[in-house]
Amino acid sequence: MTPGPREQETGAATLPRAAGRRVLLIAGQSGAGKTTVLHALEDAGWDTMDNIPIRFVEKLIAEENGSSAHLAIGVDLRGADRDAATAQALWSGAVSGQEDGLATLFLACGDDELVRRYNETRRRHPFAHDRSLVDGIAAERALLAPFCDSAQVVIDTSRMSQQDLREAVRNRFILAEGAPLVVTITSFGFARGMPPLADLVFDVRFLSNPHWVPQLRELTGLDAPVARHIAADPAYAETVPRIVALVDTLLPHYARQGRSYLTVAIGCTGGRHRSVHVAHVLAEHLRRQGFSTTVRHSNLPADASRASNRTAGFGQQ
C-alpha cells in the first residue's frame, strides 16, 4: 500500500448515485484524517459513527436501513491483526449487497507525515505500544494493505491540511446529486512537489520564465507586467488556447460520468509566475462558461488565491 502524491481511485470516484439513503464506510491509517472526514460529513447533516469494529458493520447497516439520513461509518480495523482473513471477509460482506448506495473510502498517509503528526500531538500510535512509532506505522500499513486495495476511493492526505481534506470530502460525497460540476484550478511548482489532488495536470514550463527578468522576479502571475511577459512568448498563443479547449472538451465527459468535482493542476518550476497566470486565465474562461470555479495557488500566500477568485481579469495585457 503505497499511495503516490496524487489521489488514487479504483471504481467510482464519487459516491454511487442511489435514489435513497447513502452509506459511506471509512477506514484508513491511524492519523490519516478519519475524524476530520466524519466531522465534515456530520456538519453536512449525515449520521456518523466512529470506531465501529468491522464485525458489527454489516449488522449495523442492516439495522439502520430504515433511516432516511445518509450514514458514514468510521470502521475500526485494529482487530484485524488477530484474524486478517476474517476481517477482510467481514469487510467484503458489509459491502456486498449494498452496491447501489454504499461506497468505501480509505485514507492513507506517508510515514514521515504520520511521524510528524504523532510527535506533534504526543498521542500513542495504536500499533506502537510495544515497538517504535516507525515500526508501528509500518505494521499497520502492512495489515491494512488489502483494505486499501479494495476501496473505491483512496485519498492520500500526506500533503493535505484539514481544510483540504474537508473540501475533498465535500466535493466527492456532500454535493447534491445533479449539482453542476465544481472545478478547482490549482497552480503549483514542480520544485515543491505535485498537489495532493489532481485529475488533469498541465506543465507550462516551456513558456518564457519571468523569474529571469529582474524587474518581474518578485511579482507573481497575478500581476499585469508578468501576464504580458508570458503572453508575449510565441509558444503561448500556440498552446494555452489548446489547453483551454481541451479542458472545455473534457468537462462534459466528466460530468456525464457523474463527477461532482474536477481538479485541474497547472505547474511551472516555482509556482509563482507561469502556472499562476495560466491557472487564472483558465479559471476566468470556465467562469464565463458558467462553471463554478475556484482557484488555488499552492505556492502563493492564501490572500493571493482569494484575490484571484475575486478578480475578473488582468485588464490590458
C-alpha atoms as a PDB file:
ATOM      1  CA  MET A   1       0.000   0.000   0.000  1.00  0.00           C
ATOM      2  CA  THR A   2       1.997   2.951  -1.266  1.00  0.00           C
ATOM      3  CA  PRO A   3      -0.226   5.807  -2.438  1.00  0.00           C
ATOM      4  CA  GLY A   4       1.560   8.357  -4.589  1.00  0.00           C
ATOM      5  CA  PRO A   5       1.358  12.111  -4.241  1.00  0.00           C
ATOM      6  CA  ARG A   6      -1.943  12.222  -6.040  1.00  0.00           C
ATOM      7  CA  GLU A   7      -5.231  10.720  -5.071  1.00  0.00           C
ATOM      8  CA  GLN A   8      -5.608   7.148  -6.238  1.00  0.00           C
ATOM      9  CA  GLU A   9      -9.029   5.905  -7.218  1.00  0.00           C
ATOM     10  CA  THR A  10     -10.440   2.495  -8.105  1.00  0.00           C
ATOM     11  CA  GLY A  11     -14.002   2.141  -9.227  1.00  0.00           C
ATOM     12  CA  ALA A  12     -16.293   5.123  -8.941  1.00  0.00           C
ATOM     13  CA  ALA A  13     -14.725   8.408  -7.952  1.00  0.00           C
ATOM     14  CA  THR A  14     -17.884   9.634  -6.309  1.00  0.00           C
ATOM     15  CA  LEU A  15     -20.493   8.006  -4.130  1.00  0.00           C
ATOM     16  CA  PRO A  16     -22.801   5.848  -6.241  1.00  0.00           C
ATOM     17  CA  ARG A  17     -25.950   7.664  -7.247  1.00  0.00           C
ATOM     18  CA  ALA A  18     -28.636   5.981  -5.188  1.00  0.00           C
ATOM     19  CA  ALA A  19     -32.270   7.020  -5.051  1.00  0.00           C
ATOM     20  CA  GLY A  20     -32.459   6.832  -1.254  1.00  0.00           C
ATOM     21  CA  ARG A  21     -30.050   6.769   1.635  1.00  0.00           C
ATOM     22  CA  ARG A  22     -26.340   6.541   1.010  1.00  0.00           C
ATOM     23  CA  VAL A  23     -23.751   4.796   3.151  1.00  0.00           C
ATOM     24  CA  LEU A  24     -20.025   5.514   3.283  1.00  0.00           C
ATOM     25  CA  LEU A  25     -17.568   3.183   5.019  1.00  0.00           C
ATOM     26  CA  ILE A  26     -14.403   4.999   6.064  1.00  0.00           C
ATOM     27  CA  ALA A  27     -11.203   3.208   7.026  1.00  0.00           C
ATOM     28  CA  GLY A  28      -7.550   4.121   6.943  1.00  0.00           C
ATOM     29  CA  GLN A  29      -4.274   4.524   8.700  1.00  0.00           C
ATOM     30  CA  SER A  30      -4.299   5.934  12.214  1.00  0.00           C
ATOM     31  CA  GLY A  31      -3.654   9.663  11.993  1.00  0.00           C
ATOM     32  CA  ALA A  32      -4.617   9.942   8.326  1.00  0.00           C
ATOM     33  CA  GLY A  33      -7.718  12.081   8.955  1.00  0.00           C
ATOM     34  CA  LYS A  34     -10.745   9.861   9.576  1.00  0.00           C
ATOM     35  CA  THR A  35     -12.075  12.137  12.306  1.00  0.00           C
ATOM     36  CA  THR A  36     -11.826  15.162  10.003  1.00  0.00           C
ATOM     37  CA  VAL A  37     -13.824  13.339   7.332  1.00  0.00           C
ATOM     38  CA  LEU A  38     -16.531  12.315   9.786  1.00  0.00           C
ATOM     39  CA  HIS A  39     -16.816  15.848  11.150  1.00  0.00           C
ATOM     40  CA  ALA A  40     -17.210  17.226   7.622  1.00  0.00           C
ATOM     41  CA  LEU A  41     -19.986  14.748   6.874  1.00  0.00           C
ATOM     42  CA  GLU A  42     -21.681  15.382  10.216  1.00  0.00           C
ATOM     43  CA  ASP A  43     -21.666  19.126   9.526  1.00  0.00           C
ATOM     44  CA  ALA A  44     -23.442  18.362   6.247  1.00  0.00           C
ATOM     45  CA  GLY A  45     -26.244  16.527   8.031  1.00  0.00           C
ATOM     46  CA  TRP A  46     -25.050  12.929   7.760  1.00  0.00           C
ATOM     47  CA  ASP A  47     -25.445  10.464  10.608  1.00  0.00           C
ATOM     48  CA  THR A  48     -21.926   9.478  11.632  1.00  0.00           C
ATOM     49  CA  MET A  49     -20.470   6.716  13.782  1.00  0.00           C
ATOM     50  CA  ASP A  50     -16.809   6.213  14.587  1.00  0.00           C
ATOM     51  CA  ASN A  51     -14.618   3.324  15.712  1.00  0.00           C
ATOM     52  CA  ILE A  52     -17.176   0.648  14.861  1.00  0.00           C
ATOM     53  CA  PRO A  53     -15.457  -2.776  14.882  1.00  0.00           C
ATOM     54  CA  ILE A  54     -15.598  -4.395  11.481  1.00  0.00           C
ATOM     55  CA  ARG A  55     -17.562  -7.395  12.844  1.00  0.00           C
ATOM     56  CA  PHE A  56     -20.528  -5.117  13.634  1.00  0.00           C
ATOM     57  CA  VAL A  57     -20.655  -3.098  10.412  1.00  0.00           C
ATOM     58  CA  GLU A  58     -22.810  -5.361   8.256  1.00  0.00           C
ATOM     59  CA  LYS A  59     -25.430  -5.759  11.013  1.00  0.00           C
ATOM     60  CA  LEU A  60     -25.377  -2.036  11.742  1.00  0.00           C
ATOM     61  CA  ILE A  61     -26.041  -1.146   8.116  1.00  0.00           C
ATOM     62  CA  ALA A  62     -28.995  -3.536   8.052  1.00  0.00           C
ATOM     63  CA  GLU A  63     -30.428  -2.192  11.316  1.00  0.00           C
ATOM     64  CA  GLU A  64     -30.110   1.407  10.159  1.00  0.00           C
ATOM     65  CA  ASN A  65     -31.713   0.678   6.800  1.00  0.00           C
ATOM     66  CA  GLY A  66     -34.961   2.389   7.763  1.00  0.00           C
ATOM     67  CA  SER A  67     -33.302   5.753   8.322  1.00  0.00           C
ATOM     68  CA  SER A  68     -33.562   8.411   5.629  1.00  0.00           C
ATOM     69  CA  ALA A  69     -30.333  10.175   6.592  1.00  0.00           C
ATOM     70  CA  HIS A  70     -27.087   9.359   4.846  1.00  0.00           C
ATOM     71  CA  LEU A  71     -24.782   7.310   7.066  1.00  0.00           C
ATOM     72  CA  ALA A  72     -20.983   7.451   7.443  1.00  0.00           C
ATOM     73  CA  ILE A  73     -19.264   4.754   9.479  1.00  0.00           C
ATOM     74  CA  GLY A  74     -15.701   5.009  10.691  1.00  0.00           C
ATOM     75  CA  VAL A  75     -14.589   1.388  10.642  1.00  0.00           C
ATOM     76  CA  ASP A  76     -12.148   0.147  13.279  1.00  0.00           C
ATOM     77  CA  LEU A  77      -9.838  -2.407  11.663  1.00  0.00           C
ATOM     78  CA  ARG A  78      -7.369  -2.702  14.523  1.00  0.00           C
ATOM     79  CA  GLY A  79      -8.685  -6.117  15.495  1.00  0.00           C
ATOM     80  CA  ALA A  80      -7.737  -7.398  12.045  1.00  0.00           C
ATOM     81  CA  ASP A  81      -4.228  -8.150  13.299  1.00  0.00           C
ATOM     82  CA  ARG A  82      -5.650 -11.162  15.160  1.00  0.00           C
ATOM     83  CA  ASP A  83      -7.503 -12.595  12.170  1.00  0.00           C
ATOM     84  CA  ALA A  84      -6.833 -10.716   8.947  1.00  0.00           C
ATOM     85  CA  ALA A  85      -8.715 -13.182   6.741  1.00  0.00           C
ATOM     86  CA  THR A  86     -11.886 -12.902   8.827  1.00  0.00           C
ATOM     87  CA  ALA A  87     -11.655  -9.120   8.872  1.00  0.00           C
ATOM     88  CA  GLN A  88     -11.351  -8.994   5.087  1.00  0.00           C
ATOM     89  CA  ALA A  89     -14.329 -11.339   4.731  1.00  0.00           C
ATOM     90  CA  LEU A  90     -16.383  -9.114   7.051  1.00  0.00           C
ATOM     91  CA  TRP A  91     -15.388  -6.039   5.039  1.00  0.00           C
ATOM     92  CA  SER A  92     -16.451  -7.742   1.804  1.00  0.00           C
ATOM     93  CA  GLY A  93     -19.675  -8.894   3.419  1.00  0.00           C
ATOM     94  CA  ALA A  94     -20.567  -5.385   4.528  1.00  0.00           C
ATOM     95  CA  VAL A  95     -20.040  -4.082   1.005  1.00  0.00           C
ATOM     96  CA  SER A  96     -21.793  -6.870  -0.897  1.00  0.00           C
ATOM     97  CA  GLY A  97     -25.485  -6.418  -1.451  1.00  0.00           C
ATOM     98  CA  GLN A  98     -25.243  -2.671  -0.862  1.00  0.00           C
ATOM     99  CA  GLU A  99     -23.700  -1.655  -4.181  1.00  0.00           C
ATOM    100  CA  ASP A 100     -26.417   0.833  -5.139  1.00  0.00           C
ATOM    101  CA  GLY A 101     -25.960   3.041  -2.113  1.00  0.00           C
ATOM    102  CA  LEU A 102     -22.636   2.221  -0.491  1.00  0.00           C
ATOM    103  CA  ALA A 103     -19.112   3.424  -1.136  1.00  0.00           C
ATOM    104  CA  THR A 104     -15.806   2.761   0.595  1.00  0.00           C
ATOM    105  CA  LEU A 105     -13.169   5.382   1.364  1.00  0.00           C
ATOM    106  CA  PHE A 106      -9.642   4.633   2.567  1.00  0.00           C
ATOM    107  CA  LEU A 107      -7.408   7.367   3.999  1.00  0.00           C
ATOM    108  CA  ALA A 108      -3.675   6.873   3.571  1.00  0.00           C
ATOM    109  CA  CYS A 109      -0.709   8.964   4.635  1.00  0.00           C
ATOM    110  CA  GLY A 110       3.061   8.849   4.176  1.00  0.00           C
ATOM    111  CA  ASP A 111       5.259   7.594   7.006  1.00  0.00           C
ATOM    112  CA  ASP A 112       7.155  10.855   7.518  1.00  0.00           C
ATOM    113  CA  GLU A 113       3.962  12.867   7.843  1.00  0.00           C
ATOM    114  CA  LEU A 114       2.416  10.364  10.253  1.00  0.00           C
ATOM    115  CA  VAL A 115       5.535  10.531  12.413  1.00  0.00           C
ATOM    116  CA  ARG A 116       5.297  14.320  12.398  1.00  0.00           C
ATOM    117  CA  ARG A 117       1.605  14.271  13.336  1.00  0.00           C
ATOM    118  CA  TYR A 118       2.065  11.811  16.186  1.00  0.00           C
ATOM    119  CA  ASN A 119       5.097  13.649  17.528  1.00  0.00           C
ATOM    120  CA  GLU A 120       3.142  16.891  17.383  1.00  0.00           C
ATOM    121  CA  THR A 121       0.094  15.554  19.226  1.00  0.00           C
ATOM    122  CA  ARG A 122       2.136  13.256  21.517  1.00  0.00           C
ATOM    123  CA  ARG A 123      -0.513  10.575  21.174  1.00  0.00           C
ATOM    124  CA  ARG A 124       0.467   6.923  21.148  1.00  0.00           C
ATOM    125  CA  HIS A 125       0.019   5.102  17.861  1.00  0.00           C
ATOM    126  CA  PRO A 126      -2.320   2.101  18.370  1.00  0.00           C
ATOM    127  CA  PHE A 127       0.241  -0.256  16.834  1.00  0.00           C
ATOM    128  CA  ALA A 128       3.233   1.143  18.747  1.00  0.00           C
ATOM    129  CA  HIS A 129       2.547   0.037  22.308  1.00  0.00           C
ATOM    130  CA  ASP A 130       5.467  -2.387  22.373  1.00  0.00           C
ATOM    131  CA  ARG A 131       7.526  -1.069  19.471  1.00  0.00           C
ATOM    132  CA  SER A 132       8.777   2.184  17.987  1.00  0.00           C
ATOM    133  CA  LEU A 133       6.440   4.620  16.285  1.00  0.00           C
ATOM    134  CA  VAL A 134       8.029   3.934  12.893  1.00  0.00           C
ATOM    135  CA  ASP A 135       7.638   0.170  13.327  1.00  0.00           C
ATOM    136  CA  GLY A 136       4.041   0.602  14.486  1.00  0.00           C
ATOM    137  CA  ILE A 137       3.181   2.647  11.394  1.00  0.00           C
ATOM    138  CA  ALA A 138       4.810   0.034   9.156  1.00  0.00           C
ATOM    139  CA  ALA A 139       2.923  -2.805  10.868  1.00  0.00           C
ATOM    140  CA  GLU A 140      -0.413  -1.062  10.432  1.00  0.00           C
ATOM    141  CA  ARG A 141       0.353  -0.216   6.791  1.00  0.00           C
ATOM    142  CA  ALA A 142       1.040  -3.879   6.002  1.00  0.00           C
ATOM    143  CA  LEU A 143      -2.102  -5.029   7.805  1.00  0.00           C
ATOM    144  CA  LEU A 144      -4.388  -2.560   6.050  1.00  0.00           C
ATOM    145  CA  ALA A 145      -2.999  -3.042   2.531  1.00  0.00           C
ATOM    146  CA  PRO A 146      -5.876  -5.313   1.376  1.00  0.00           C
ATOM    147  CA  PHE A 147      -8.481  -2.825   2.586  1.00  0.00           C
ATOM    148  CA  CYS A 148      -6.706  -0.006   0.779  1.00  0.00           C
ATOM    149  CA  ASP A 149      -6.523  -2.049  -2.416  1.00  0.00           C
ATOM    150  CA  SER A 150     -10.252  -2.841  -2.385  1.00  0.00           C
ATOM    151  CA  ALA A 151     -11.549   0.640  -1.500  1.00  0.00           C
ATOM    152  CA  GLN A 152     -13.421   2.581  -4.171  1.00  0.00           C
ATOM    153  CA  VAL A 153     -11.676   5.843  -3.286  1.00  0.00           C
ATOM    154  CA  VAL A 154      -8.232   6.218  -1.714  1.00  0.00           C
ATOM    155  CA  ILE A 155      -7.113   9.660  -0.583  1.00  0.00           C
ATOM    156  CA  ASP A 156      -3.500  10.273   0.395  1.00  0.00           C
ATOM    157  CA  THR A 157      -3.612  13.055   2.997  1.00  0.00           C
ATOM    158  CA  SER A 158       0.167  13.443   3.350  1.00  0.00           C
ATOM    159  CA  ARG A 159       0.232  16.961   1.953  1.00  0.00           C
ATOM    160  CA  MET A 160      -3.316  17.967   2.790  1.00  0.00           C
ATOM    161  CA  SER A 161      -4.394  20.360   5.501  1.00  0.00           C
ATOM    162  CA  GLN A 162      -7.597  19.641   7.398  1.00  0.00           C
ATOM    163  CA  GLN A 163      -9.334  22.211   5.197  1.00  0.00           C
ATOM    164  CA  ASP A 164      -8.030  20.489   2.051  1.00  0.00           C
ATOM    165  CA  LEU A 165      -9.425  17.186   3.276  1.00  0.00           C
ATOM    166  CA  ARG A 166     -12.781  18.699   4.208  1.00  0.00           C
ATOM    167  CA  GLU A 167     -13.041  20.209   0.726  1.00  0.00           C
ATOM    168  CA  ALA A 168     -12.180  16.878  -0.876  1.00  0.00           C
ATOM    169  CA  VAL A 169     -14.939  15.214   1.143  1.00  0.00           C
ATOM    170  CA  ARG A 170     -17.387  17.935   0.211  1.00  0.00           C
ATOM    171  CA  ASN A 171     -16.585  17.604  -3.479  1.00  0.00           C
ATOM    172  CA  ARG A 172     -16.905  13.836  -3.527  1.00  0.00           C
ATOM    173  CA  PHE A 173     -19.611  12.963  -1.067  1.00  0.00           C
ATOM    174  CA  ILE A 174     -21.635  16.002   0.013  1.00  0.00           C
ATOM    175  CA  LEU A 175     -22.579  17.904  -3.124  1.00  0.00           C
ATOM    176  CA  ALA A 176     -26.197  17.329  -4.057  1.00  0.00           C
ATOM    177  CA  GLU A 177     -26.921  14.869  -6.810  1.00  0.00           C
ATOM    178  CA  GLY A 178     -27.319  16.599 -10.124  1.00  0.00           C
ATOM    179  CA  ALA A 179     -25.339  19.616  -8.942  1.00  0.00           C
ATOM    180  CA  PRO A 180     -23.175  21.260 -11.589  1.00  0.00           C
ATOM    181  CA  LEU A 181     -19.567  20.199 -11.888  1.00  0.00           C
ATOM    182  CA  VAL A 182     -17.337  22.141  -9.500  1.00  0.00           C
ATOM    183  CA  VAL A 183     -13.882  22.891 -10.914  1.00  0.00           C
ATOM    184  CA  THR A 184     -10.812  23.713  -8.850  1.00  0.00           C
ATOM    185  CA  ILE A 185      -7.833  25.178 -10.703  1.00  0.00           C
ATOM    186  CA  THR A 186      -4.562  24.766  -8.794  1.00  0.00           C
ATOM    187  CA  SER A 187      -1.228  26.338  -9.714  1.00  0.00           C
ATOM    188  CA  PHE A 188       1.886  24.722  -8.298  1.00  0.00           C
ATOM    189  CA  GLY A 189       5.655  24.493  -8.641  1.00  0.00           C
ATOM    190  CA  PHE A 190       7.235  21.204  -9.672  1.00  0.00           C
ATOM    191  CA  ALA A 191      10.222  22.118  -7.490  1.00  0.00           C
ATOM    192  CA  ARG A 192       7.964  21.812  -4.441  1.00  0.00           C
ATOM    193  CA  GLY A 193       6.019  18.725  -5.431  1.00  0.00           C
ATOM    194  CA  MET A 194       2.750  17.869  -7.084  1.00  0.00           C
ATOM    195  CA  PRO A 195      -0.546  18.891  -5.443  1.00  0.00           C
ATOM    196  CA  PRO A 196      -2.229  16.079  -3.499  1.00  0.00           C
ATOM    197  CA  LEU A 197      -5.345  16.083  -5.684  1.00  0.00           C
ATOM    198  CA  ALA A 198      -5.296  16.470  -9.437  1.00  0.00           C
ATOM    199  CA  ASP A 199      -7.390  14.967 -12.211  1.00  0.00           C
ATOM    200  CA  LEU A 200      -5.685  16.833 -15.057  1.00  0.00           C
ATOM    201  CA  VAL A 201      -2.106  18.159 -14.926  1.00  0.00           C
ATOM    202  CA  PHE A 202      -0.582  20.604 -17.424  1.00  0.00           C
ATOM    203  CA  ASP A 203       3.108  21.503 -17.458  1.00  0.00           C
ATOM    204  CA  VAL A 204       3.746  25.084 -18.671  1.00  0.00           C
ATOM    205  CA  ARG A 205       7.492  25.210 -18.010  1.00  0.00           C
ATOM    206  CA  PHE A 206       8.028  25.636 -21.759  1.00  0.00           C
ATOM    207  CA  LEU A 207       6.819  29.248 -21.543  1.00  0.00           C
ATOM    208  CA  SER A 208       9.235  32.133 -21.053  1.00  0.00           C
ATOM    209  CA  ASN A 209      10.107  32.369 -17.352  1.00  0.00           C
ATOM    210  CA  PRO A 210       9.640  35.832 -15.770  1.00  0.00           C
ATOM    211  CA  HIS A 211      11.941  34.743 -12.941  1.00  0.00           C
ATOM    212  CA  TRP A 212      14.919  35.636 -15.144  1.00  0.00           C
ATOM    213  CA  VAL A 213      13.687  39.189 -15.653  1.00  0.00           C
ATOM    214  CA  PRO A 214      14.903  41.152 -12.594  1.00  0.00           C
ATOM    215  CA  GLN A 215      12.006  43.620 -12.525  1.00  0.00           C
ATOM    216  CA  LEU A 216       9.483  40.753 -12.705  1.00  0.00           C
ATOM    217  CA  ARG A 217      11.092  38.257 -10.341  1.00  0.00           C
ATOM    218  CA  GLU A 218       9.381  39.447  -7.165  1.00  0.00           C
ATOM    219  CA  LEU A 219       5.990  39.793  -8.861  1.00  0.00           C
ATOM    220  CA  THR A 220       3.562  36.942  -9.490  1.00  0.00           C
ATOM    221  CA  GLY A 221       1.435  35.675 -12.332  1.00  0.00           C
ATOM    222  CA  LEU A 222      -1.412  37.794 -10.978  1.00  0.00           C
ATOM    223  CA  ASP A 223       0.468  40.991 -11.854  1.00  0.00           C
ATOM    224  CA  ALA A 224      -0.179  42.542 -15.257  1.00  0.00           C
ATOM    225  CA  PRO A 225       3.516  43.007 -16.234  1.00  0.00           C
ATOM    226  CA  VAL A 226       4.139  39.303 -15.655  1.00  0.00           C
ATOM    227  CA  ALA A 227       0.994  38.373 -17.583  1.00  0.00           C
ATOM    228  CA  ARG A 228       2.119  40.489 -20.533  1.00  0.00           C
ATOM    229  CA  HIS A 229       5.590  38.921 -20.489  1.00  0.00           C
ATOM    230  CA  ILE A 230       4.189  35.382 -20.540  1.00  0.00           C
ATOM    231  CA  ALA A 231       1.595  36.144 -23.210  1.00  0.00           C
ATOM    232  CA  ALA A 232       4.310  37.666 -25.420  1.00  0.00           C
ATOM    233  CA  ASP A 233       6.009  34.276 -25.767  1.00  0.00           C
ATOM    234  CA  PRO A 234       5.070  32.906 -29.238  1.00  0.00           C
ATOM    235  CA  ALA A 235       4.533  29.493 -27.642  1.00  0.00           C
ATOM    236  CA  TYR A 236       1.768  30.969 -25.514  1.00  0.00           C
ATOM    237  CA  ALA A 237      -0.616  31.614 -28.415  1.00  0.00           C
ATOM    238  CA  GLU A 238       0.118  28.162 -29.827  1.00  0.00           C
ATOM    239  CA  THR A 239      -0.518  26.197 -26.638  1.00  0.00           C
ATOM    240  CA  VAL A 240      -2.583  27.900 -23.950  1.00  0.00           C
ATOM    241  CA  PRO A 241      -5.742  28.180 -26.106  1.00  0.00           C
ATOM    242  CA  ARG A 242      -5.360  24.466 -26.833  1.00  0.00           C
ATOM    243  CA  ILE A 243      -5.147  23.680 -23.112  1.00  0.00           C
ATOM    244  CA  VAL A 244      -8.315  25.704 -22.565  1.00  0.00           C
ATOM    245  CA  ALA A 245     -10.035  23.976 -25.491  1.00  0.00           C
ATOM    246  CA  LEU A 246      -9.037  20.534 -24.203  1.00  0.00           C
ATOM    247  CA  VAL A 247     -10.477  21.272 -20.770  1.00  0.00           C
ATOM    248  CA  ASP A 248     -13.644  22.555 -22.467  1.00  0.00           C
ATOM    249  CA  THR A 249     -13.901  19.260 -24.342  1.00  0.00           C
ATOM    250  CA  LEU A 250     -13.288  17.057 -21.311  1.00  0.00           C
ATOM    251  CA  LEU A 251     -15.566  18.693 -18.734  1.00  0.00           C
ATOM    252  CA  PRO A 252     -18.868  17.456 -20.223  1.00  0.00           C
ATOM    253  CA  HIS A 253     -17.466  13.917 -20.338  1.00  0.00           C
ATOM    254  CA  TYR A 254     -16.513  14.057 -16.655  1.00  0.00           C
ATOM    255  CA  ALA A 255     -19.951  15.448 -15.817  1.00  0.00           C
ATOM    256  CA  ARG A 256     -21.666  12.600 -17.689  1.00  0.00           C
ATOM    257  CA  GLN A 257     -19.693  10.129 -15.590  1.00  0.00           C
ATOM    258  CA  GLY A 258     -21.401  11.550 -12.505  1.00  0.00           C
ATOM    259  CA  ARG A 259     -18.442  13.529 -11.250  1.00  0.00           C
ATOM    260  CA  SER A 260     -19.294  16.371  -8.878  1.00  0.00           C
ATOM    261  CA  TYR A 261     -15.809  17.874  -8.924  1.00  0.00           C
ATOM    262  CA  LEU A 262     -12.720  18.187 -11.075  1.00  0.00           C
ATOM    263  CA  THR A 263      -9.271  19.439 -10.126  1.00  0.00           C
ATOM    264  CA  VAL A 264      -7.016  20.856 -12.843  1.00  0.00           C
ATOM    265  CA  ALA A 265      -3.398  21.473 -11.854  1.00  0.00           C
ATOM    266  CA  ILE A 266      -1.124  23.852 -13.771  1.00  0.00           C
ATOM    267  CA  GLY A 267       2.572  23.548 -12.981  1.00  0.00           C
ATOM    268  CA  CYS A 268       5.735  25.522 -13.646  1.00  0.00           C
ATOM    269  CA  THR A 269       9.118  25.481 -11.927  1.00  0.00           C
ATOM    270  CA  GLY A 270       8.475  27.617  -8.856  1.00  0.00           C
ATOM    271  CA  GLY A 271       4.705  28.041  -8.949  1.00  0.00           C
ATOM    272  CA  ARG A 272       4.781  31.865  -8.861  1.00  0.00           C
ATOM    273  CA  HIS A 273       4.567  33.119 -12.431  1.00  0.00           C
ATOM    274  CA  ARG A 274       3.635  30.976 -15.434  1.00  0.00           C
ATOM    275  CA  SER A 275       1.392  28.440 -13.701  1.00  0.00           C
ATOM    276  CA  VAL A 276      -0.370  31.189 -11.744  1.00  0.00           C
ATOM    277  CA  HIS A 277      -1.116  33.174 -14.879  1.00  0.00           C
ATOM    278  CA  VAL A 278      -2.366  30.199 -16.922  1.00  0.00           C
ATOM    279  CA  ALA A 279      -4.475  28.965 -13.997  1.00  0.00           C
ATOM    280  CA  HIS A 280      -6.085  32.382 -13.731  1.00  0.00           C
ATOM    281  CA  VAL A 281      -6.771  32.539 -17.482  1.00  0.00           C
ATOM    282  CA  LEU A 282      -8.322  29.060 -17.466  1.00  0.00           C
ATOM    283  CA  ALA A 283     -10.463  29.848 -14.423  1.00  0.00           C
ATOM    284  CA  GLU A 284     -11.771  33.061 -15.965  1.00  0.00           C
ATOM    285  CA  HIS A 285     -12.672  31.196 -19.148  1.00  0.00           C
ATOM    286  CA  LEU A 286     -14.552  28.488 -17.233  1.00  0.00           C
ATOM    287  CA  ARG A 287     -16.449  31.056 -15.194  1.00  0.00           C
ATOM    288  CA  ARG A 288     -17.602  32.680 -18.414  1.00  0.00           C
ATOM    289  CA  GLN A 289     -18.840  29.239 -19.483  1.00  0.00           C
ATOM    290  CA  GLY A 290     -20.941  29.033 -16.322  1.00  0.00           C
ATOM    291  CA  PHE A 291     -18.843  26.596 -14.280  1.00  0.00           C
ATOM    292  CA  SER A 292     -18.442  27.013 -10.527  1.00  0.00           C
ATOM    293  CA  THR A 293     -14.688  27.562 -10.400  1.00  0.00           C
ATOM    294  CA  THR A 294     -12.239  28.112  -7.563  1.00  0.00           C
ATOM    295  CA  VAL A 295      -8.552  28.998  -7.955  1.00  0.00           C
ATOM    296  CA  ARG A 296      -5.828  27.887  -5.584  1.00  0.00           C
ATOM    297  CA  HIS A 297      -2.211  28.979  -5.852  1.00  0.00           C
ATOM    298  CA  SER A 298      -0.192  26.432  -3.911  1.00  0.00           C
ATOM    299  CA  ASN A 299       2.995  28.472  -3.745  1.00  0.00           C
ATOM    300  CA  LEU A 300       1.485  31.902  -3.131  1.00  0.00           C
ATOM    301  CA  PRO A 301       0.039  33.313   0.112  1.00  0.00           C
ATOM    302  CA  ALA A 302      -3.599  32.429   0.804  1.00  0.00           C
ATOM    303  CA  ASP A 303      -4.736  36.016   0.194  1.00  0.00           C
ATOM    304  CA  ALA A 304      -3.431  35.738  -3.390  1.00  0.00           C
ATOM    305  CA  SER A 305      -5.826  32.861  -4.048  1.00  0.00           C
ATOM    306  CA  ARG A 306      -8.691  34.885  -2.599  1.00  0.00           C
ATOM    307  CA  ALA A 307      -7.766  37.808  -4.821  1.00  0.00           C
ATOM    308  CA  SER A 308      -7.616  35.527  -7.828  1.00  0.00           C
ATOM    309  CA  ASN A 309     -11.115  34.252  -7.069  1.00  0.00           C
ATOM    310  CA  ARG A 310     -12.425  37.823  -6.894  1.00  0.00           C
ATOM    311  CA  THR A 311     -10.589  39.314  -9.874  1.00  0.00           C
ATOM    312  CA  ALA A 312     -12.377  39.423 -13.207  1.00  0.00           C
ATOM    313  CA  GLY A 313      -9.190  39.728 -15.238  1.00  0.00           C
ATOM    314  CA  PHE A 314      -5.874  41.433 -15.668  1.00  0.00           C
ATOM    315  CA  GLY A 315      -7.119  44.328 -17.685  1.00  0.00           C
ATOM    316  CA  GLN A 316      -4.966  45.280 -20.636  1.00  0.00           C
ATOM    317  CA  GLN A 317      -2.216  42.791 -21.354  1.00  0.00           C
END
